[in-house]
Amino acid sequence: MIAFLTQYVYGLGHSNRVNLLAEKLSSKGAPVLIINQLFKPPLEFKVPQVSFLEDSKPPAEKSISAYVMNENLRSYRIKRFIETLDEYNVKLLVSEGFPFCRHQHAEELFTYFEECKKRNIKILVSIRDFPWDDPHEDGLKDWVNHTQNLICQHYVDKILVHGDPDILPLYSDRCKHSNPTKLINDIKDKIVYTGYVCDDSQKPHKRKNNIIYVSTGLNKAEGMLLFKEITKIAHQFSDYRFVMPVANRYLNTGITVKDNLVFVKYIPELGKKIQDCSAFITYGGYNTTMEIVKSSVPAIVVPRQDGYKLEQFVRAYAFEPYGYFQVLNNKEFHNLPKTLNKVLNSKPKKFEFNLEGASNSADEIIRIYKQIVE
């Protein structure tokens, strides 16, 4: 059995990518299991899955982080993980994210890796095109980088980087004194670039309506700022409808429609809907960016930067010169009308880099799996 390990709490990014990879493996005839270490993501999985915490949504606690780190739950998850390895006769584990992508779970994850090592279970790490997620204290930057490398050297057979080095090669986490190039060179023999992972069923963009979708993670301060800017300029685009999910739990507009603004709680199957829209304004997450470039959707990407997070910022500006979309950072919102006009009246370039990440990853995983079982 090939098992994927994912850690869903709020964001669907990693879980969605795991889902695409697992489904591609299954379509190629490989035995696949998804292990949801925390909560069951609200995704339609077409492969078997095991969830250690059965709720599809985190309970209404003051702090979800404190809840999932409860010592009793942590011990329970470790017990269930060990039982799952043995019950399903797992031979290969694919873990999403470098060990410190969610550093609060690092000790638990290392326990999982140790249990795999005891059973001669091979471990692969599946990461997007950028290594880090949460900011680290300044004095810990070098420690995190070197420990991450040591963990990979001790436990991990291959690091599947779901990107293309010709547009964005893998960098190290932020450093204080260390040499970033040397850090990557120390693990380069384990790195396999698979190409970008996207939904193969997505169709090329063909405008069929006057809708401009705006989806920027409104629980974040930057998203709220953009929300305000859209309400200011919408009247300049009276021929269009702006459809915006008001996802902020602290905000209740009390309205659903105002002039050409439409407020909704959720946009189901947004990835499919943007194939028909006039334009898309969104943050720069991995999966959303892949939806844009896969279908060549006219789009403005607003990369998230709060909390010193650089992943979206670096990817957005690495892609922008090629003409796949326009980029506005949070200091440039005064240019929103001009940029939106440009997007509405021009056609984005076709993505010229590797988008076969799902199939290539599946082939690499199957190759390693066959070496184990044969």
Protein backbone atom coordinates (compact mmCIF):
# COMPACT_ATOMS: atom_id res chain seq x y z
CA MET A 1 0.00 0.00 0.00
CA ILE A 2 1.09 3.57 -0.78
CA ALA A 3 -0.09 6.00 1.92
CA PHE A 4 -0.32 9.79 1.70
CA LEU A 5 -0.12 11.79 4.92
CA THR A 6 -1.86 15.17 5.05
CA GLN A 7 -2.56 17.67 7.85
CA TYR A 8 -5.78 19.54 7.11
CA VAL A 9 -7.01 22.18 9.58
CA TYR A 10 -8.22 25.19 7.56
CA GLY A 11 -6.48 25.68 4.21
CA LEU A 12 -7.11 23.10 1.49
CA GLY A 13 -3.87 23.72 -0.39
CA HIS A 14 -1.82 20.69 0.59
CA SER A 15 -4.85 18.40 0.86
CA ASN A 16 -6.04 19.31 -2.62
CA ARG A 17 -2.63 18.52 -4.10
CA VAL A 18 -2.49 15.22 -2.21
CA ASN A 19 -5.95 14.40 -3.56
CA LEU A 20 -4.86 15.03 -7.17
CA LEU A 21 -1.74 12.90 -6.72
CA ALA A 22 -3.61 10.05 -5.03
CA GLU A 23 -6.28 9.98 -7.73
CA LYS A 24 -3.64 9.95 -10.47
CA LEU A 25 -1.86 7.04 -8.76
CA SER A 26 -5.12 5.17 -8.41
CA SER A 27 -5.91 5.70 -12.10
CA LYS A 28 -2.56 4.05 -12.90
CA GLY A 29 -3.53 0.99 -10.87
CA ALA A 30 -1.53 1.64 -7.70
CA PRO A 31 -2.97 0.78 -4.25
CA VAL A 32 -3.47 4.12 -2.48
CA LEU A 33 -4.58 5.27 0.97
CA ILE A 34 -4.92 8.83 2.30
CA ILE A 35 -4.18 9.35 6.00
CA ASN A 36 -5.73 12.53 7.41
CA GLN A 37 -3.56 13.19 10.45
CA LEU A 38 -5.84 15.96 11.74
CA PHE A 39 -9.28 16.64 10.27
CA LYS A 40 -10.98 15.18 7.23
CA PRO A 41 -10.80 17.81 4.45
CA PRO A 42 -14.07 18.87 2.78
CA LEU A 43 -12.97 17.28 -0.49
CA GLU A 44 -14.46 14.45 -2.50
CA PHE A 45 -11.82 11.75 -2.29
CA LYS A 46 -12.08 8.96 -4.82
CA VAL A 47 -9.59 6.76 -2.97
CA PRO A 48 -9.78 5.13 0.51
CA GLN A 49 -8.93 7.35 3.46
CA VAL A 50 -8.44 7.17 7.21
CA SER A 51 -9.09 10.21 9.43
CA PHE A 52 -7.69 10.29 12.96
CA LEU A 53 -10.02 13.14 13.99
CA GLU A 54 -13.31 12.37 12.30
CA ASP A 55 -14.85 15.86 12.26
CA SER A 56 -14.84 17.40 8.81
CA LYS A 57 -14.66 20.80 10.52
CA PRO A 58 -12.58 21.70 13.57
CA PRO A 59 -14.69 22.01 16.72
CA ALA A 60 -15.76 25.45 17.94
CA GLU A 61 -12.83 25.98 20.27
CA LYS A 62 -11.13 29.26 21.11
CA SER A 63 -7.89 27.98 19.63
CA ILE A 64 -7.82 25.21 17.04
CA SER A 65 -4.04 24.98 17.39
CA ALA A 66 -4.35 24.38 21.13
CA TYR A 67 -7.07 21.80 20.51
CA VAL A 68 -5.12 19.70 17.99
CA MET A 69 -1.98 19.87 20.15
CA ASN A 70 -3.78 18.46 23.17
CA GLU A 71 -1.51 15.76 24.61
CA ASN A 72 -4.26 13.12 24.72
CA LEU A 73 -5.19 13.74 21.08
CA ARG A 74 -1.55 13.71 20.06
CA SER A 75 -1.03 10.31 21.75
CA TYR A 76 -4.22 9.05 20.13
CA ARG A 77 -3.06 10.12 16.66
CA ILE A 78 0.30 8.39 17.10
CA LYS A 79 -1.47 5.20 18.20
CA ARG A 80 -3.84 5.36 15.22
CA PHE A 81 -0.96 6.00 12.82
CA ILE A 82 0.91 2.92 14.01
CA GLU A 83 -2.28 0.83 13.74
CA THR A 84 -2.89 2.15 10.22
CA LEU A 85 0.63 1.27 9.04
CA ASP A 86 0.17 -2.32 10.19
CA GLU A 87 -3.48 -2.74 9.19
CA TYR A 88 -2.93 -1.61 5.60
CA ASN A 89 0.57 -3.08 5.24
CA VAL A 90 1.97 0.27 4.14
CA LYS A 91 5.20 0.00 2.15
CA LEU A 92 5.64 3.63 1.07
CA LEU A 93 4.63 6.85 2.85
CA VAL A 94 4.30 10.16 0.98
CA SER A 95 4.35 13.04 3.49
CA GLU A 96 3.14 16.48 2.39
CA GLY A 97 5.45 19.32 3.26
CA PHE A 98 8.95 19.51 4.70
CA PRO A 99 9.03 18.57 8.41
CA PHE A 100 8.95 22.21 9.51
CA CYS A 101 6.21 23.41 7.17
CA ARG A 102 3.99 22.92 10.22
CA HIS A 103 6.65 23.00 12.88
CA GLN A 104 4.18 22.62 15.76
CA HIS A 105 3.67 19.01 14.57
CA ALA A 106 7.37 18.31 14.00
CA GLU A 107 7.89 16.03 17.01
CA GLU A 108 4.79 14.00 16.16
CA LEU A 109 5.85 13.76 12.54
CA PHE A 110 9.32 12.56 13.53
CA THR A 111 7.64 9.84 15.60
CA TYR A 112 5.70 8.79 12.50
CA PHE A 113 8.89 8.71 10.46
CA GLU A 114 10.65 6.63 13.13
CA GLU A 115 7.80 4.10 13.15
CA CYS A 116 8.12 3.86 9.36
CA LYS A 117 11.87 3.36 9.60
CA LYS A 118 11.37 0.51 12.11
CA ARG A 119 9.15 -1.22 9.53
CA ASN A 120 11.42 -0.52 6.53
CA ILE A 121 8.72 1.72 5.05
CA LYS A 122 10.18 4.10 2.47
CA ILE A 123 9.38 7.81 2.91
CA LEU A 124 8.94 10.42 0.21
CA VAL A 125 8.32 14.11 0.91
CA SER A 126 5.88 15.94 -1.38
CA ILE A 127 6.31 19.73 -1.48
CA ARG A 128 5.17 22.62 -3.62
CA ASP A 129 7.76 24.78 -5.42
CA PHE A 130 8.66 26.66 -2.24
CA PRO A 131 9.76 25.09 1.06
CA TRP A 132 8.44 27.12 3.95
CA ASP A 133 5.06 27.94 5.39
CA ASP A 134 5.24 29.43 8.88
CA PRO A 135 7.74 32.13 9.91
CA HIS A 136 10.45 31.14 12.40
CA GLU A 137 12.10 33.13 15.13
CA ASP A 138 15.15 34.97 13.86
CA GLY A 139 17.59 32.97 15.99
CA LEU A 140 16.13 29.65 14.79
CA LYS A 141 16.46 30.17 11.04
CA ASP A 142 19.75 28.33 10.59
CA TRP A 143 18.79 25.64 13.10
CA VAL A 144 15.56 24.96 11.18
CA ASN A 145 17.36 24.70 7.84
CA HIS A 146 20.06 22.33 9.05
CA THR A 147 17.67 20.19 11.11
CA GLN A 148 15.34 19.95 8.12
CA ASN A 149 18.21 18.70 5.98
CA LEU A 150 19.32 16.20 8.63
CA ILE A 151 15.79 14.80 8.91
CA CYS A 152 15.56 14.44 5.15
CA GLN A 153 18.97 12.74 4.98
CA HIS A 154 18.10 10.35 7.80
CA TYR A 155 14.53 9.38 6.89
CA VAL A 156 13.63 10.46 3.36
CA ASP A 157 14.37 8.65 0.11
CA LYS A 158 13.21 11.33 -2.32
CA ILE A 159 11.89 14.90 -2.15
CA LEU A 160 9.26 15.44 -4.84
CA VAL A 161 9.26 19.14 -5.71
CA HIS A 162 6.06 19.96 -7.58
CA GLY A 163 7.54 22.68 -9.74
CA ASP A 164 9.87 23.35 -12.63
CA PRO A 165 13.44 24.53 -11.97
CA ASP A 166 13.45 26.47 -15.25
CA ILE A 167 10.99 28.98 -13.77
CA LEU A 168 11.42 28.62 -9.99
CA PRO A 169 14.16 26.34 -8.58
CA LEU A 170 13.89 25.23 -4.97
CA TYR A 171 15.34 27.63 -2.43
CA SER A 172 16.22 27.01 1.20
CA ASP A 173 14.19 28.37 4.06
CA ARG A 174 15.19 31.84 5.25
CA CYS A 175 18.74 31.90 6.59
CA LYS A 176 20.63 34.08 9.05
CA HIS A 177 24.24 32.94 8.53
CA SER A 178 23.97 29.75 6.47
CA ASN A 179 24.69 29.53 2.77
CA PRO A 180 21.32 28.87 1.04
CA THR A 181 22.94 27.33 -2.04
CA LYS A 182 24.92 24.86 0.07
CA LEU A 183 21.79 23.89 2.01
CA ILE A 184 20.02 22.86 -1.20
CA ASN A 185 23.16 21.21 -2.60
CA ASP A 186 23.35 19.04 0.54
CA ILE A 187 20.03 17.39 -0.39
CA LYS A 188 20.14 17.78 -4.19
CA ASP A 189 20.58 14.03 -4.76
CA LYS A 190 17.18 13.48 -3.16
CA ILE A 191 15.34 16.20 -5.11
CA VAL A 192 13.08 15.22 -8.04
CA TYR A 193 11.33 18.02 -9.93
CA THR A 194 8.00 16.63 -11.09
CA GLY A 195 6.47 19.64 -12.83
CA TYR A 196 3.45 21.51 -11.51
CA VAL A 197 0.45 19.60 -10.17
CA CYS A 198 -2.92 20.68 -11.53
CA ASP A 199 -6.32 19.24 -12.35
CA ASP A 200 -5.99 17.66 -15.79
CA SER A 201 -9.72 18.03 -16.39
CA GLN A 202 -9.54 21.84 -16.46
CA LYS A 203 -10.43 23.29 -19.84
CA PRO A 204 -8.95 26.33 -21.61
CA HIS A 205 -10.58 29.62 -20.63
CA LYS A 206 -13.44 30.81 -22.85
CA ARG A 207 -15.33 33.87 -21.70
CA LYS A 208 -19.07 33.20 -21.42
CA ASN A 209 -20.25 35.80 -18.88
CA ASN A 210 -19.50 39.20 -17.34
CA ILE A 211 -18.53 37.90 -13.90
CA ILE A 212 -15.33 38.96 -12.15
CA TYR A 213 -14.61 36.57 -9.29
CA VAL A 214 -12.72 37.97 -6.29
CA SER A 215 -11.33 35.36 -3.90
CA THR A 216 -8.48 36.45 -1.65
CA GLY A 217 -8.80 34.78 1.73
CA LEU A 218 -10.76 37.45 3.58
CA ASN A 219 -9.72 36.21 7.01
CA LYS A 220 -6.40 37.90 6.31
CA ALA A 221 -5.82 41.64 6.71
CA GLU A 222 -4.55 41.96 3.13
CA GLY A 223 -7.70 40.33 1.80
CA MET A 224 -9.87 42.76 3.75
CA LEU A 225 -7.92 45.70 2.32
CA LEU A 226 -8.50 44.44 -1.23
CA PHE A 227 -12.19 43.90 -0.40
CA LYS A 228 -12.46 47.61 0.46
CA GLU A 229 -10.66 48.61 -2.74
CA ILE A 230 -13.03 46.55 -4.89
CA THR A 231 -16.06 48.28 -3.36
CA LYS A 232 -14.49 51.65 -4.23
CA ILE A 233 -13.84 50.94 -7.91
CA ALA A 234 -16.69 48.56 -8.86
CA HIS A 235 -18.83 51.42 -10.24
CA GLN A 236 -16.13 52.04 -12.88
CA PHE A 237 -16.88 48.58 -14.29
CA SER A 238 -20.67 48.76 -14.41
CA ASP A 239 -20.88 46.23 -17.25
CA TYR A 240 -19.46 43.55 -14.95
CA ARG A 241 -20.59 41.77 -11.78
CA PHE A 242 -18.10 41.29 -8.96
CA VAL A 243 -18.82 38.05 -7.10
CA MET A 244 -16.97 37.97 -3.77
CA PRO A 245 -17.03 35.41 -0.94
CA VAL A 246 -17.27 37.28 2.38
CA ALA A 247 -15.43 34.63 4.36
CA ASN A 248 -14.32 36.79 7.25
CA ARG A 249 -15.86 35.54 10.48
CA TYR A 250 -15.68 39.03 12.00
CA LEU A 251 -17.49 40.71 9.12
CA ASN A 252 -21.21 40.64 8.34
CA THR A 253 -22.23 43.00 5.56
CA GLY A 254 -25.92 42.34 6.11
CA ILE A 255 -26.42 42.47 2.34
CA THR A 256 -26.05 40.06 -0.54
CA VAL A 257 -26.26 42.42 -3.53
CA LYS A 258 -25.30 46.08 -3.89
CA ASP A 259 -25.26 47.56 -7.38
CA ASN A 260 -22.84 45.29 -9.32
CA LEU A 261 -21.36 43.72 -6.16
CA VAL A 262 -22.56 40.24 -5.18
CA PHE A 263 -21.57 38.94 -1.74
CA VAL A 264 -21.64 35.20 -1.10
CA LYS A 265 -20.44 32.94 1.70
CA TYR A 266 -18.87 30.39 -0.61
CA ILE A 267 -18.32 29.75 -4.33
CA PRO A 268 -18.61 26.02 -5.03
CA GLU A 269 -16.32 24.59 -7.72
CA LEU A 270 -14.64 27.94 -8.25
CA GLY A 271 -11.86 26.25 -10.21
CA LYS A 272 -14.42 25.26 -12.85
CA LYS A 273 -16.28 28.59 -12.83
CA ILE A 274 -13.20 30.67 -13.62
CA GLN A 275 -12.93 28.86 -16.94
CA ASP A 276 -15.94 30.94 -18.13
CA CYS A 277 -15.51 34.25 -16.28
CA SER A 278 -14.39 37.68 -17.50
CA ALA A 279 -11.61 37.97 -14.93
CA PHE A 280 -10.34 36.51 -11.67
CA ILE A 281 -8.77 38.45 -8.78
CA THR A 282 -7.17 36.14 -6.25
CA TYR A 283 -4.31 35.47 -3.88
CA GLY A 284 -1.21 33.63 -5.10
CA GLY A 285 -1.57 30.20 -3.51
CA TYR A 286 -0.10 27.20 -5.33
CA ASN A 287 -3.36 25.53 -6.37
CA THR A 288 -5.07 28.75 -7.44
CA THR A 289 -2.03 29.77 -9.50
CA MET A 290 -2.08 26.37 -11.20
CA GLU A 291 -5.78 26.79 -12.05
CA ILE A 292 -5.02 30.17 -13.64
CA VAL A 293 -2.08 29.00 -15.77
CA LYS A 294 -3.65 25.66 -16.69
CA SER A 295 -6.72 27.36 -18.22
CA SER A 296 -5.03 30.69 -19.14
CA VAL A 297 -7.57 32.66 -17.11
CA PRO A 298 -7.39 36.49 -17.29
CA ALA A 299 -6.32 37.21 -13.73
CA ILE A 300 -4.80 39.54 -11.17
CA VAL A 301 -2.77 37.79 -8.50
CA VAL A 302 -2.45 39.51 -5.12
CA PRO A 303 0.33 37.62 -3.31
CA ARG A 304 -0.03 37.26 0.43
CA GLN A 305 2.82 38.84 2.41
CA ASP A 306 1.55 39.18 5.98
CA GLY A 307 3.57 37.39 8.64
CA TYR A 308 6.72 37.62 6.50
CA LYS A 309 5.39 34.89 4.21
CA LEU A 310 7.26 35.04 0.91
CA GLU A 311 6.05 31.95 -0.98
CA GLN A 312 3.22 33.67 -2.89
CA PHE A 313 5.21 36.85 -3.43
CA VAL A 314 8.20 35.05 -4.96
CA ARG A 315 6.10 32.76 -7.16
CA ALA A 316 3.88 35.59 -8.42
CA TYR A 317 6.80 37.75 -9.47
CA ALA A 318 8.73 34.80 -10.93
CA PHE A 319 5.74 34.07 -13.19
CA GLU A 320 4.65 37.65 -13.99
CA PRO A 321 7.24 38.55 -16.69
CA TYR A 322 5.94 35.70 -18.87
CA GLY A 323 2.49 37.30 -19.18
CA TYR A 324 0.46 34.55 -17.49
CA PHE A 325 -1.31 37.06 -15.21
CA GLN A 326 -0.92 40.52 -13.69
CA VAL A 327 0.45 41.02 -10.16
CA LEU A 328 -0.59 43.65 -7.62
CA ASN A 329 0.97 43.68 -4.18
CA ASN A 330 -0.68 45.39 -1.23
CA LYS A 331 1.22 48.64 -1.85
CA GLU A 332 -0.15 48.99 -5.38
CA PHE A 333 -3.92 48.89 -4.94
CA HIS A 334 -4.16 52.43 -6.36
CA ASN A 335 -3.37 50.76 -9.71
CA LEU A 336 -6.29 48.33 -9.45
CA PRO A 337 -8.59 50.00 -12.05
CA LYS A 338 -5.77 50.31 -14.61
CA THR A 339 -4.62 46.73 -14.04
CA LEU A 340 -8.14 45.32 -14.21
CA ASN A 341 -8.75 47.16 -17.49
CA LYS A 342 -5.60 45.61 -18.88
CA VAL A 343 -6.69 42.12 -17.82
CA LEU A 344 -10.16 42.56 -19.31
CA ASN A 345 -8.79 43.73 -22.65
CA SER A 346 -5.86 41.38 -23.23
CA LYS A 347 -5.29 37.65 -23.49
CA PRO A 348 -2.86 35.90 -21.11
CA LYS A 349 0.01 33.87 -22.55
CA LYS A 350 -0.13 30.08 -22.58
CA PHE A 351 1.93 28.49 -19.79
CA GLU A 352 5.12 27.08 -21.31
CA PHE A 353 6.53 25.13 -18.38
CA ASN A 354 5.84 21.64 -17.06
CA LEU A 355 2.22 21.05 -15.94
CA GLU A 356 2.49 17.26 -15.85
CA GLY A 357 3.28 17.14 -12.13
CA ALA A 358 0.46 14.78 -11.18
CA SER A 359 1.36 12.15 -13.77
CA ASN A 360 5.12 12.52 -13.33
CA SER A 361 4.80 12.26 -9.53
CA ALA A 362 2.66 9.16 -9.88
CA ASP A 363 5.21 7.54 -12.20
CA GLU A 364 8.07 8.28 -9.77
CA ILE A 365 6.10 6.96 -6.79
CA ILE A 366 5.13 3.80 -8.66
CA ARG A 367 8.75 3.26 -9.75
CA ILE A 368 9.95 3.39 -6.13
CA TYR A 369 7.01 1.27 -4.93
CA LYS A 370 7.79 -1.47 -7.45
CA GLN A 371 11.41 -1.58 -6.26
CA ILE A 372 10.10 -2.22 -2.75
CA VAL A 373 7.57 -4.95 -3.49
CA GLU A 374 9.37 -6.82 -6.26
